C-alpha cells in the first residue's frame, strides 16, 4: 500500500486533526504525524501514527485541553473499525512536553489495514 493512501485513509477517519508541519509545537491544536509503516501478519500493513493535542497551561486553558483529550479519545473509540479492512488500535496517552505554558499530550495509534 502506498504511504499517501495510508495518510488519506487516516485523514478520512480523523477529520479534526491537522498534519504536523514543523518539528516543534508553538500553538494549541490537534495534530498528527506518521511515525512509520511495517508489514504486519496475514497480509496486513501497520501504520504508526502519533496524535498530538496541545493546549495552554493549567491556569488558562486546562478544561478545554482536557475536553479535547476526551473528545479525541472518544473519536478513536468510535473509529476502531471504520470499514471491513481497517482497524484503529489505541496504544497509549502520555504527556509529551511542556514548553512555555503549552502542554502537549501524545496519543500513539496503530492503523492496521488488510490487503
PDB file of N, CA and C in Angstrom:
ATOM      1  N   UNK A   1       0.843  -1.178   0.000  1.00  0.00           N
ATOM      2  CA  UNK A   1       0.000   0.000   0.000  1.00  0.00           C
ATOM      3  C   UNK A   1       0.887   1.240   0.000  1.00  0.00           C
ATOM      4  N   UNK A   2       0.476   2.231  -0.712  1.00  0.00           N
ATOM      5  CA  UNK A   2       1.236   3.479  -0.818  1.00  0.00           C
ATOM      6  C   UNK A   2       1.047   4.331   0.446  1.00  0.00           C
ATOM      7  N   UNK A   3       2.102   5.036   0.819  1.00  0.00           N
ATOM      8  CA  UNK A   3       2.076   5.889   2.007  1.00  0.00           C
ATOM      9  C   UNK A   3       0.979   6.945   1.878  1.00  0.00           C
ATOM     10  N   UNK A   4       0.845   7.533   0.703  1.00  0.00           N
ATOM     11  CA  UNK A   4      -0.176   8.572   0.521  1.00  0.00           C
ATOM     12  C   UNK A   4      -1.581   8.024   0.759  1.00  0.00           C
ATOM     13  N   UNK A   5      -1.820   6.777   0.395  1.00  0.00           N
ATOM     14  CA  UNK A   5      -3.135   6.158   0.624  1.00  0.00           C
ATOM     15  C   UNK A   5      -3.376   5.935   2.124  1.00  0.00           C
ATOM     16  N   UNK A   6      -2.331   5.528   2.846  1.00  0.00           N
ATOM     17  CA  UNK A   6      -2.453   5.365   4.302  1.00  0.00           C
ATOM     18  C   UNK A   6      -2.834   6.686   4.969  1.00  0.00           C
ATOM     19  N   UNK A   7      -2.156   7.747   4.567  1.00  0.00           N
ATOM     20  CA  UNK A   7      -2.423   9.057   5.152  1.00  0.00           C
ATOM     21  C   UNK A   7      -3.821   9.532   4.783  1.00  0.00           C
ATOM     22  N   UNK A   8      -4.228   9.334   3.532  1.00  0.00           N
ATOM     23  CA  UNK A   8      -5.582   9.719   3.124  1.00  0.00           C
ATOM     24  C   UNK A   8      -6.635   8.977   3.933  1.00  0.00           C
ATOM     25  N   UNK A   9      -6.418   7.699   4.153  1.00  0.00           N
ATOM     26  CA  UNK A   9      -7.366   6.903   4.938  1.00  0.00           C
ATOM     27  C   UNK A   9      -7.422   7.420   6.374  1.00  0.00           C
ATOM     28  N   UNK A  10      -6.259   7.694   6.971  1.00  0.00           N
ATOM     29  CA  UNK A  10      -6.213   8.224   8.333  1.00  0.00           C
ATOM     30  C   UNK A  10      -6.949   9.562   8.413  1.00  0.00           C
ATOM     31  N   UNK A  11      -6.694  10.438   7.449  1.00  0.00           N
ATOM     32  CA  UNK A  11      -7.347  11.750   7.433  1.00  0.00           C
ATOM     33  C   UNK A  11      -8.858  11.635   7.242  1.00  0.00           C
ATOM     34  N   UNK A  12      -9.303  10.640   6.495  1.00  0.00           N
ATOM     35  CA  UNK A  12     -10.741  10.460   6.297  1.00  0.00           C
ATOM     36  C   UNK A  12     -11.429   9.978   7.578  1.00  0.00           C
ATOM     37  N   UNK A  13     -10.685   9.304   8.437  1.00  0.00           N
ATOM     38  CA  UNK A  13     -11.223   8.825   9.713  1.00  0.00           C
ATOM     39  C   UNK A  13     -11.186   9.929  10.764  1.00  0.00           C
ATOM     40  N   UNK A  14     -10.075  10.666  10.823  1.00  0.00           N
ATOM     41  CA  UNK A  14      -9.867  11.709  11.828  1.00  0.00           C
ATOM     42  C   UNK A  14      -9.802  13.080  11.152  1.00  0.00           C
ATOM     43  N   UNK A  15     -10.958  13.590  10.823  1.00  0.00           N
ATOM     44  CA  UNK A  15     -11.066  14.839  10.065  1.00  0.00           C
ATOM     45  C   UNK A  15     -10.672  16.087  10.857  1.00  0.00           C
ATOM     46  N   UNK A  16     -10.656  16.001  12.190  1.00  0.00           N
ATOM     47  CA  UNK A  16     -10.371  17.183  13.007  1.00  0.00           C
ATOM     48  C   UNK A  16      -8.878  17.403  13.258  1.00  0.00           C
ATOM     49  N   UNK A  17      -8.034  16.485  12.774  1.00  0.00           N
ATOM     50  CA  UNK A  17      -6.597  16.595  13.015  1.00  0.00           C
ATOM     51  C   UNK A  17      -5.901  17.295  11.854  1.00  0.00           C
ATOM     52  N   UNK A  18      -4.839  18.018  12.169  1.00  0.00           N
ATOM     53  CA  UNK A  18      -4.032  18.732  11.186  1.00  0.00           C
ATOM     54  C   UNK A  18      -2.670  18.055  11.088  1.00  0.00           C
ATOM     55  N   UNK A  19      -2.138  17.878   9.871  1.00  0.00           N
ATOM     56  CA  UNK A  19      -0.787  17.303   9.766  1.00  0.00           C
ATOM     57  C   UNK A  19       0.235  18.221  10.451  1.00  0.00           C
ATOM     58  N   UNK A  20       1.141  17.633  11.184  1.00  0.00           N
ATOM     59  CA  UNK A  20       2.198  18.401  11.848  1.00  0.00           C
ATOM     60  C   UNK A  20       3.142  18.940  10.779  1.00  0.00           C
ATOM     61  N   UNK A  21       3.397  20.247  10.813  1.00  0.00           N
ATOM     62  CA  UNK A  21       4.192  20.855   9.753  1.00  0.00           C
ATOM     63  C   UNK A  21       5.541  21.392  10.213  1.00  0.00           C
ATOM     64  N   UNK A  22       5.848  21.227  11.508  1.00  0.00           N
ATOM     65  CA  UNK A  22       7.156  21.660  11.997  1.00  0.00           C
ATOM     66  C   UNK A  22       7.589  20.733  13.129  1.00  0.00           C
ATOM     67  N   UNK A  23       8.876  20.709  13.442  1.00  0.00           N
ATOM     68  CA  UNK A  23       9.364  19.780  14.472  1.00  0.00           C
ATOM     69  C   UNK A  23       8.944  20.138  15.893  1.00  0.00           C
ATOM     70  N   UNK A  24       8.456  21.351  16.112  1.00  0.00           N
ATOM     71  CA  UNK A  24       8.022  21.720  17.460  1.00  0.00           C
ATOM     72  C   UNK A  24       6.672  22.434  17.387  1.00  0.00           C
ATOM     73  N   UNK A  25       5.895  22.261  18.441  1.00  0.00           N
ATOM     74  CA  UNK A  25       4.592  22.908  18.511  1.00  0.00           C
ATOM     75  C   UNK A  25       4.709  24.216  19.276  1.00  0.00           C
ATOM     76  N   UNK A  26       4.120  25.267  18.724  1.00  0.00           N
ATOM     77  CA  UNK A  26       4.149  26.568  19.375  1.00  0.00           C
ATOM     78  C   UNK A  26       2.753  27.112  19.640  1.00  0.00           C
ATOM     79  N   UNK A  27       1.727  26.418  19.168  1.00  0.00           N
ATOM     80  CA  UNK A  27       0.356  26.877  19.403  1.00  0.00           C
ATOM     81  C   UNK A  27      -0.569  25.698  19.658  1.00  0.00           C
ATOM     82  N   UNK A  28      -1.675  25.986  20.359  1.00  0.00           N
ATOM     83  CA  UNK A  28      -2.597  24.913  20.688  1.00  0.00           C
ATOM     84  C   UNK A  28      -3.257  24.374  19.419  1.00  0.00           C
ATOM     85  N   UNK A  29      -3.686  23.105  19.503  1.00  0.00           N
ATOM     86  CA  UNK A  29      -4.349  22.475  18.371  1.00  0.00           C
ATOM     87  C   UNK A  29      -4.267  20.968  18.471  1.00  0.00           C
ATOM     88  N   UNK A  30      -4.802  20.310  17.436  1.00  0.00           N
ATOM     89  CA  UNK A  30      -4.805  18.845  17.352  1.00  0.00           C
ATOM     90  C   UNK A  30      -4.078  18.464  16.066  1.00  0.00           C
ATOM     91  N   UNK A  31      -2.990  17.724  16.211  1.00  0.00           N
ATOM     92  CA  UNK A  31      -2.100  17.422  15.096  1.00  0.00           C
ATOM     93  C   UNK A  31      -1.854  15.909  15.007  1.00  0.00           C
ATOM     94  N   UNK A  32      -1.316  15.492  13.860  1.00  0.00           N
ATOM     95  CA  UNK A  32      -0.889  14.098  13.734  1.00  0.00           C
ATOM     96  C   UNK A  32       0.378  14.036  12.893  1.00  0.00           C
ATOM     97  N   UNK A  33       1.118  12.949  13.075  1.00  0.00           N
ATOM     98  CA  UNK A  33       2.296  12.680  12.263  1.00  0.00           C
ATOM     99  C   UNK A  33       2.397  11.166  12.067  1.00  0.00           C
ATOM    100  N   UNK A  34       2.778  10.755  10.882  1.00  0.00           N
ATOM    101  CA  UNK A  34       3.032   9.345  10.589  1.00  0.00           C
ATOM    102  C   UNK A  34       4.435   9.026  11.086  1.00  0.00           C
ATOM    103  N   UNK A  35       4.553   8.035  11.971  1.00  0.00           N
ATOM    104  CA  UNK A  35       5.857   7.676  12.522  1.00  0.00           C
ATOM    105  C   UNK A  35       6.532   6.552  11.764  1.00  0.00           C
ATOM    106  N   UNK A  36       5.754   5.698  11.112  1.00  0.00           N
ATOM    107  CA  UNK A  36       6.362   4.596  10.379  1.00  0.00           C
ATOM    108  C   UNK A  36       5.320   3.612   9.883  1.00  0.00           C
ATOM    109  N   UNK A  37       5.763   2.732   9.013  1.00  0.00           N
ATOM    110  CA  UNK A  37       4.902   1.704   8.426  1.00  0.00           C
ATOM    111  C   UNK A  37       5.667   0.391   8.472  1.00  0.00           C
ATOM    112  N   UNK A  38       4.955  -0.693   8.773  1.00  0.00           N
ATOM    113  CA  UNK A  38       5.578  -2.010   8.763  1.00  0.00           C
ATOM    114  C   UNK A  38       4.597  -3.023   8.198  1.00  0.00           C
ATOM    115  N   UNK A  39       5.148  -4.149   7.801  1.00  0.00           N
ATOM    116  CA  UNK A  39       4.313  -5.233   7.311  1.00  0.00           C
ATOM    117  C   UNK A  39       3.863  -6.050   8.508  1.00  0.00           C
ATOM    118  N   UNK A  40       2.557  -6.207   8.634  1.00  0.00           N
ATOM    119  CA  UNK A  40       2.006  -6.987   9.732  1.00  0.00           C
ATOM    120  C   UNK A  40       1.838  -8.443   9.343  1.00  0.00           C
ATOM    121  N   UNK A  41       1.113  -9.167  10.155  1.00  0.00           N
ATOM    122  CA  UNK A  41       0.841 -10.576   9.881  1.00  0.00           C
ATOM    123  C   UNK A  41      -0.351 -10.705   8.943  1.00  0.00           C
ATOM    124  N   UNK A  42      -0.438 -11.848   8.277  1.00  0.00           N
ATOM    125  CA  UNK A  42      -1.585 -12.185   7.429  1.00  0.00           C
ATOM    126  C   UNK A  42      -1.902 -11.106   6.396  1.00  0.00           C
ATOM    127  N   UNK A  43      -0.893 -10.668   5.683  1.00  0.00           N
ATOM    128  CA  UNK A  43      -1.040  -9.690   4.602  1.00  0.00           C
ATOM    129  C   UNK A  43      -1.691  -8.393   5.067  1.00  0.00           C
ATOM    130  N   UNK A  44      -1.167  -7.831   6.142  1.00  0.00           N
ATOM    131  CA  UNK A  44      -1.635  -6.526   6.610  1.00  0.00           C
ATOM    132  C   UNK A  44      -0.469  -5.548   6.630  1.00  0.00           C
ATOM    133  N   UNK A  45      -0.821  -4.277   6.554  1.00  0.00           N
ATOM    134  CA  UNK A  45       0.135  -3.202   6.760  1.00  0.00           C
ATOM    135  C   UNK A  45      -0.237  -2.525   8.061  1.00  0.00           C
ATOM    136  N   UNK A  46       0.778  -2.103   8.811  1.00  0.00           N
ATOM    137  CA  UNK A  46       0.551  -1.394  10.064  1.00  0.00           C
ATOM    138  C   UNK A  46       1.245  -0.043  10.002  1.00  0.00           C
ATOM    139  N   UNK A  47       0.467   1.005  10.191  1.00  0.00           N
ATOM    140  CA  UNK A  47       0.996   2.359  10.193  1.00  0.00           C
ATOM    141  C   UNK A  47       0.913   2.905  11.614  1.00  0.00           C
ATOM    142  N   UNK A  48       2.023   3.441  12.099  1.00  0.00           N
ATOM    143  CA  UNK A  48       2.071   4.035  13.434  1.00  0.00           C
ATOM    144  C   UNK A  48       1.905   5.542  13.310  1.00  0.00           C
ATOM    145  N   UNK A  49       0.881   6.059  13.981  1.00  0.00           N
ATOM    146  CA  UNK A  49       0.610   7.488  13.985  1.00  0.00           C
ATOM    147  C   UNK A  49       0.723   8.014  15.403  1.00  0.00           C
ATOM    148  N   UNK A  50       1.169   9.252  15.499  1.00  0.00           N
ATOM    149  CA  UNK A  50       1.184   9.958  16.782  1.00  0.00           C
ATOM    150  C   UNK A  50       0.241  11.144  16.633  1.00  0.00           C
ATOM    151  N   UNK A  51      -0.720  11.231  17.543  1.00  0.00           N
ATOM    152  CA  UNK A  51      -1.642  12.359  17.605  1.00  0.00           C
ATOM    153  C   UNK A  51      -1.175  13.251  18.738  1.00  0.00           C
ATOM    154  N   UNK A  52      -1.030  14.532  18.461  1.00  0.00           N
ATOM    155  CA  UNK A  52      -0.550  15.490  19.457  1.00  0.00           C
ATOM    156  C   UNK A  52      -1.646  16.503  19.758  1.00  0.00           C
ATOM    157  N   UNK A  53      -2.004  16.610  21.023  1.00  0.00           N
ATOM    158  CA  UNK A  53      -3.006  17.572  21.475  1.00  0.00           C
ATOM    159  C   UNK A  53      -2.266  18.611  22.316  1.00  0.00           C
ATOM    160  N   UNK A  54      -2.277  19.857  21.847  1.00  0.00           N
ATOM    161  CA  UNK A  54      -1.547  20.930  22.533  1.00  0.00           C
ATOM    162  C   UNK A  54      -2.537  21.964  23.062  1.00  0.00           C
ATOM    163  N   UNK A  55      -2.353  22.363  24.318  1.00  0.00           N
ATOM    164  CA  UNK A  55      -3.200  23.399  24.893  1.00  0.00           C
ATOM    165  C   UNK A  55      -2.415  24.173  25.938  1.00  0.00           C
ATOM    166  N   UNK A  56      -2.958  25.337  26.298  1.00  0.00           N
ATOM    167  CA  UNK A  56      -2.270  26.240  27.216  1.00  0.00           C
ATOM    168  C   UNK A  56      -2.269  25.725  28.644  1.00  0.00           C
ATOM    169  N   UNK A  57      -1.533  26.413  29.492  1.00  0.00           N
ATOM    170  CA  UNK A  57      -1.255  25.962  30.857  1.00  0.00           C
ATOM    171  C   UNK A  57      -2.489  25.806  31.730  1.00  0.00           C
ATOM    172  N   UNK A  58      -2.251  25.265  32.902  1.00  0.00           N
ATOM    173  CA  UNK A  58      -3.307  24.973  33.868  1.00  0.00           C
ATOM    174  C   UNK A  58      -4.215  26.163  34.153  1.00  0.00           C
ATOM    175  N   UNK A  59      -3.656  27.341  34.254  1.00  0.00           N
ATOM    176  CA  UNK A  59      -4.479  28.478  34.659  1.00  0.00           C
ATOM    177  C   UNK A  59      -5.204  29.144  33.502  1.00  0.00           C
ATOM    178  N   UNK A  60      -4.936  28.762  32.267  1.00  0.00           N
ATOM    179  CA  UNK A  60      -5.578  29.408  31.129  1.00  0.00           C
ATOM    180  C   UNK A  60      -6.600  28.518  30.433  1.00  0.00           C
ATOM    181  N   UNK A  61      -6.203  27.306  30.094  1.00  0.00           N
ATOM    182  CA  UNK A  61      -6.988  26.542  29.128  1.00  0.00           C
ATOM    183  C   UNK A  61      -7.085  25.060  29.479  1.00  0.00           C
ATOM    184  N   UNK A  62      -6.853  24.706  30.739  1.00  0.00           N
ATOM    185  CA  UNK A  62      -6.778  23.290  31.104  1.00  0.00           C
ATOM    186  C   UNK A  62      -8.094  22.563  30.845  1.00  0.00           C
ATOM    187  N   UNK A  63      -9.222  23.163  31.192  1.00  0.00           N
ATOM    188  CA  UNK A  63     -10.517  22.497  30.995  1.00  0.00           C
ATOM    189  C   UNK A  63     -10.756  22.211  29.520  1.00  0.00           C
ATOM    190  N   UNK A  64     -10.480  23.184  28.665  1.00  0.00           N
ATOM    191  CA  UNK A  64     -10.661  22.980  27.223  1.00  0.00           C
ATOM    192  C   UNK A  64      -9.687  21.933  26.705  1.00  0.00           C
ATOM    193  N   UNK A  65      -8.479  21.921  27.214  1.00  0.00           N
ATOM    194  CA  UNK A  65      -7.491  20.933  26.794  1.00  0.00           C
ATOM    195  C   UNK A  65      -7.898  19.526  27.166  1.00  0.00           C
ATOM    196  N   UNK A  66      -8.353  19.356  28.394  1.00  0.00           N
ATOM    197  CA  UNK A  66      -8.799  18.029  28.830  1.00  0.00           C
ATOM    198  C   UNK A  66     -10.041  17.594  28.063  1.00  0.00           C
ATOM    199  N   UNK A  67     -10.907  18.538  27.743  1.00  0.00           N
ATOM    200  CA  UNK A  67     -12.087  18.221  26.928  1.00  0.00           C
ATOM    201  C   UNK A  67     -11.654  17.750  25.536  1.00  0.00           C
ATOM    202  N   UNK A  68     -10.639  18.395  24.958  1.00  0.00           N
ATOM    203  CA  UNK A  68     -10.120  17.956  23.657  1.00  0.00           C
ATOM    204  C   UNK A  68      -9.548  16.546  23.734  1.00  0.00           C
ATOM    205  N   UNK A  69      -8.855  16.232  24.831  1.00  0.00           N
ATOM    206  CA  UNK A  69      -8.340  14.869  25.016  1.00  0.00           C
ATOM    207  C   UNK A  69      -9.492  13.874  25.082  1.00  0.00           C
ATOM    208  N   UNK A  70     -10.520  14.199  25.851  1.00  0.00           N
ATOM    209  CA  UNK A  70     -11.688  13.316  25.947  1.00  0.00           C
ATOM    210  C   UNK A  70     -12.347  13.128  24.586  1.00  0.00           C
ATOM    211  N   UNK A  71     -12.481  14.212  23.829  1.00  0.00           N
ATOM    212  CA  UNK A  71     -13.139  14.131  22.522  1.00  0.00           C
ATOM    213  C   UNK A  71     -12.349  13.269  21.542  1.00  0.00           C
ATOM    214  N   UNK A  72     -11.033  13.428  21.519  1.00  0.00           N
ATOM    215  CA  UNK A  72     -10.239  12.629  20.577  1.00  0.00           C
ATOM    216  C   UNK A  72     -10.220  11.166  21.009  1.00  0.00           C
ATOM    217  N   UNK A  73     -10.204  10.900  22.310  1.00  0.00           N
ATOM    218  CA  UNK A  73     -10.270   9.507  22.768  1.00  0.00           C
ATOM    219  C   UNK A  73     -11.613   8.875  22.399  1.00  0.00           C
ATOM    220  N   UNK A  74     -12.684   9.660  22.460  1.00  0.00           N
ATOM    221  CA  UNK A  74     -13.992   9.161  22.030  1.00  0.00           C
ATOM    222  C   UNK A  74     -13.993   8.907  20.522  1.00  0.00           C
ATOM    223  N   UNK A  75     -13.374   9.813  19.764  1.00  0.00           N
ATOM    224  CA  UNK A  75     -13.252   9.633  18.308  1.00  0.00           C
ATOM    225  C   UNK A  75     -12.506   8.336  17.987  1.00  0.00           C
ATOM    226  N   UNK A  76     -11.433   8.088  18.714  1.00  0.00           N
ATOM    227  CA  UNK A  76     -10.642   6.869  18.499  1.00  0.00           C
ATOM    228  C   UNK A  76     -11.477   5.638  18.814  1.00  0.00           C
ATOM    229  N   UNK A  77     -12.212   5.684  19.913  1.00  0.00           N
ATOM    230  CA  UNK A  77     -13.046   4.545  20.273  1.00  0.00           C
ATOM    231  C   UNK A  77     -14.117   4.294  19.212  1.00  0.00           C
ATOM    232  N   UNK A  78     -14.714   5.353  18.693  1.00  0.00           N
ATOM    233  CA  UNK A  78     -15.750   5.216  17.669  1.00  0.00           C
ATOM    234  C   UNK A  78     -15.183   4.733  16.333  1.00  0.00           C
ATOM    235  N   UNK A  79     -13.885   4.947  16.112  1.00  0.00           N
ATOM    236  CA  UNK A  79     -13.277   4.617  14.818  1.00  0.00           C
ATOM    237  C   UNK A  79     -12.487   3.315  14.854  1.00  0.00           C
ATOM    238  N   UNK A  80     -12.699   2.479  15.837  1.00  0.00           N
ATOM    239  CA  UNK A  80     -11.899   1.261  15.959  1.00  0.00           C
ATOM    240  C   UNK A  80     -11.993   0.363  14.728  1.00  0.00           C
ATOM    241  N   UNK A  81     -13.135   0.350  14.071  1.00  0.00           N
ATOM    242  CA  UNK A  81     -13.313  -0.471  12.870  1.00  0.00           C
ATOM    243  C   UNK A  81     -14.097   0.344  11.836  1.00  0.00           C
ATOM    244  N   UNK A  82     -13.433   1.318  11.177  1.00  0.00           N
ATOM    245  CA  UNK A  82     -14.150   2.191  10.246  1.00  0.00           C
ATOM    246  C   UNK A  82     -14.664   1.479   8.989  1.00  0.00           C
ATOM    247  N   UNK A  83     -14.023   0.375   8.612  1.00  0.00           N
ATOM    248  CA  UNK A  83     -14.500  -0.442   7.491  1.00  0.00           C
ATOM    249  C   UNK A  83     -13.999  -1.867   7.693  1.00  0.00           C
ATOM    250  N   UNK A  84     -14.343  -2.743   6.776  1.00  0.00           N
ATOM    251  CA  UNK A  84     -14.022  -4.167   6.975  1.00  0.00           C
ATOM    252  C   UNK A  84     -12.532  -4.476   6.896  1.00  0.00           C
ATOM    253  N   UNK A  85     -11.731  -3.578   6.330  1.00  0.00           N
ATOM    254  CA  UNK A  85     -10.299  -3.834   6.169  1.00  0.00           C
ATOM    255  C   UNK A  85      -9.417  -3.068   7.153  1.00  0.00           C
ATOM    256  N   UNK A  86      -9.979  -2.131   7.886  1.00  0.00           N
ATOM    257  CA  UNK A  86      -9.176  -1.218   8.691  1.00  0.00           C
ATOM    258  C   UNK A  86      -9.508  -1.338  10.171  1.00  0.00           C
ATOM    259  N   UNK A  87      -8.452  -1.329  10.992  1.00  0.00           N
ATOM    260  CA  UNK A  87      -8.613  -1.313  12.443  1.00  0.00           C
ATOM    261  C   UNK A  87      -7.726  -0.207  13.010  1.00  0.00           C
ATOM    262  N   UNK A  88      -8.288   0.542  13.957  1.00  0.00           N
ATOM    263  CA  UNK A  88      -7.542   1.565  14.674  1.00  0.00           C
ATOM    264  C   UNK A  88      -7.310   1.043  16.090  1.00  0.00           C
ATOM    265  N   UNK A  89      -6.063   1.025  16.512  1.00  0.00           N
ATOM    266  CA  UNK A  89      -5.704   0.467  17.808  1.00  0.00           C
ATOM    267  C   UNK A  89      -5.060   1.559  18.662  1.00  0.00           C
ATOM    268  N   UNK A  90      -5.705   1.854  19.787  1.00  0.00           N
ATOM    269  CA  UNK A  90      -5.156   2.808  20.755  1.00  0.00           C
ATOM    270  C   UNK A  90      -4.021   2.116  21.505  1.00  0.00           C
ATOM    271  N   UNK A  91      -2.859   2.789  21.579  1.00  0.00           N
ATOM    272  CA  UNK A  91      -1.726   2.205  22.300  1.00  0.00           C
ATOM    273  C   UNK A  91      -1.398   2.935  23.590  1.00  0.00           C
ATOM    274  N   UNK A  92      -1.391   4.270  23.571  1.00  0.00           N
ATOM    275  CA  UNK A  92      -1.063   4.991  24.807  1.00  0.00           C
ATOM    276  C   UNK A  92      -1.411   6.470  24.701  1.00  0.00           C
ATOM    277  N   UNK A  93      -1.512   7.094  25.865  1.00  0.00           N
ATOM    278  CA  UNK A  93      -1.669   8.538  26.000  1.00  0.00           C
ATOM    279  C   UNK A  93      -0.664   8.978  27.047  1.00  0.00           C
ATOM    280  N   UNK A  94       0.216   9.924  26.681  1.00  0.00           N
ATOM    281  CA  UNK A  94       1.264  10.383  27.600  1.00  0.00           C
ATOM    282  C   UNK A  94       1.495  11.871  27.426  1.00  0.00           C
ATOM    283  N   UNK A  95       1.919  12.504  28.514  1.00  0.00           N
ATOM    284  CA  UNK A  95       2.376  13.882  28.418  1.00  0.00           C
ATOM    285  C   UNK A  95       3.682  13.869  27.630  1.00  0.00           C
ATOM    286  N   UNK A  96       3.725  14.613  26.549  1.00  0.00           N
ATOM    287  CA  UNK A  96       4.899  14.631  25.684  1.00  0.00           C
ATOM    288  C   UNK A  96       5.863  15.747  26.065  1.00  0.00           C
ATOM    289  N   UNK A  97       5.307  16.946  26.313  1.00  0.00           N
ATOM    290  CA  UNK A  97       6.176  18.060  26.683  1.00  0.00           C
ATOM    291  C   UNK A  97       5.364  19.200  27.287  1.00  0.00           C
ATOM    292  N   UNK A  98       6.074  20.057  28.003  1.00  0.00           N
ATOM    293  CA  UNK A  98       5.526  21.326  28.476  1.00  0.00           C
ATOM    294  C   UNK A  98       6.561  22.365  28.084  1.00  0.00           C
ATOM    295  N   UNK A  99       6.144  23.318  27.268  1.00  0.00           N
ATOM    296  CA  UNK A  99       7.085  24.321  26.783  1.00  0.00           C
ATOM    297  C   UNK A  99       6.402  25.683  26.798  1.00  0.00           C
ATOM    298  N   UNK A 100       6.917  26.587  27.599  1.00  0.00           N
ATOM    299  CA  UNK A 100       6.407  27.949  27.698  1.00  0.00           C
ATOM    300  C   UNK A 100       4.890  27.971  27.892  1.00  0.00           C
ATOM    301  N   UNK A 101       4.393  27.129  28.805  1.00  0.00           N
ATOM    302  CA  UNK A 101       2.974  27.109  29.127  1.00  0.00           C
ATOM    303  C   UNK A 101       2.109  26.295  28.192  1.00  0.00           C
ATOM    304  N   UNK A 102       2.713  25.647  27.195  1.00  0.00           N
ATOM    305  CA  UNK A 102       1.965  24.821  26.254  1.00  0.00           C
ATOM    306  C   UNK A 102       2.141  23.355  26.644  1.00  0.00           C
ATOM    307  N   UNK A 103       1.044  22.715  27.040  1.00  0.00           N
ATOM    308  CA  UNK A 103       1.051  21.296  27.379  1.00  0.00           C
ATOM    309  C   UNK A 103       0.791  20.511  26.100  1.00  0.00           C
ATOM    310  N   UNK A 104       1.613  19.496  25.840  1.00  0.00           N
ATOM    311  CA  UNK A 104       1.427  18.658  24.657  1.00  0.00           C
ATOM    312  C   UNK A 104       1.292  17.206  25.106  1.00  0.00           C
ATOM    313  N   UNK A 105       0.153  16.611  24.797  1.00  0.00           N
ATOM    314  CA  UNK A 105      -0.096  15.201  25.084  1.00  0.00           C
ATOM    315  C   UNK A 105       0.001  14.421  23.783  1.00  0.00           C
ATOM    316  N   UNK A 106       0.636  13.253  23.845  1.00  0.00           N
ATOM    317  CA  UNK A 106       0.818  12.401  22.671  1.00  0.00           C
ATOM    318  C   UNK A 106      -0.022  11.137  22.815  1.00  0.00           C
ATOM    319  N   UNK A 107      -0.763  10.818  21.763  1.00  0.00           N
ATOM    320  CA  UNK A 107      -1.547   9.592  21.700  1.00  0.00           C
ATOM    321  C   UNK A 107      -0.947   8.737  20.593  1.00  0.00           C
ATOM    322  N   UNK A 108      -0.519   7.529  20.946  1.00  0.00           N
ATOM    323  CA  UNK A 108       0.041   6.612  19.953  1.00  0.00           C
ATOM    324  C   UNK A 108      -1.063   5.693  19.447  1.00  0.00           C
ATOM    325  N   UNK A 109      -1.197   5.665  18.112  1.00  0.00           N
ATOM    326  CA  UNK A 109      -2.196   4.831  17.458  1.00  0.00           C
ATOM    327  C   UNK A 109      -1.534   3.938  16.430  1.00  0.00           C
ATOM    328  N   UNK A 110      -2.119   2.785  16.217  1.00  0.00           N
ATOM    329  CA  UNK A 110      -1.710   1.901  15.133  1.00  0.00           C
ATOM    330  C   UNK A 110      -2.918   1.731  14.223  1.00  0.00           C
ATOM    331  N   UNK A 111      -2.699   1.889  12.931  1.00  0.00           N
ATOM    332  CA  UNK A 111      -3.751   1.640  11.952  1.00  0.00           C
ATOM    333  C   UNK A 111      -3.355   0.390  11.176  1.00  0.00           C
ATOM    334  N   UNK A 112      -4.171  -0.638  11.283  1.00  0.00           N
ATOM    335  CA  UNK A 112      -3.897  -1.915  10.624  1.00  0.00           C
ATOM    336  C   UNK A 112      -4.845  -2.044   9.432  1.00  0.00           C
ATOM    337  N   UNK A 113      -4.254  -2.297   8.263  1.00  0.00           N
ATOM    338  CA  UNK A 113      -5.065  -2.413   7.041  1.00  0.00           C
ATOM    339  C   UNK A 113      -4.786  -3.752   6.383  1.00  0.00           C
ATOM    340  N   UNK A 114      -5.855  -4.504   6.151  1.00  0.00           N
ATOM    341  CA  UNK A 114      -5.744  -5.807   5.466  1.00  0.00           C
ATOM    342  C   UNK A 114      -5.676  -5.571   3.966  1.00  0.00           C
ATOM    343  N   UNK A 115      -4.871  -6.391   3.312  1.00  0.00           N
ATOM    344  CA  UNK A 115      -4.743  -6.306   1.850  1.00  0.00           C
ATOM    345  C   UNK A 115      -5.545  -7.366   1.160  1.00  0.00           C
TER     346      UNK A 115
END
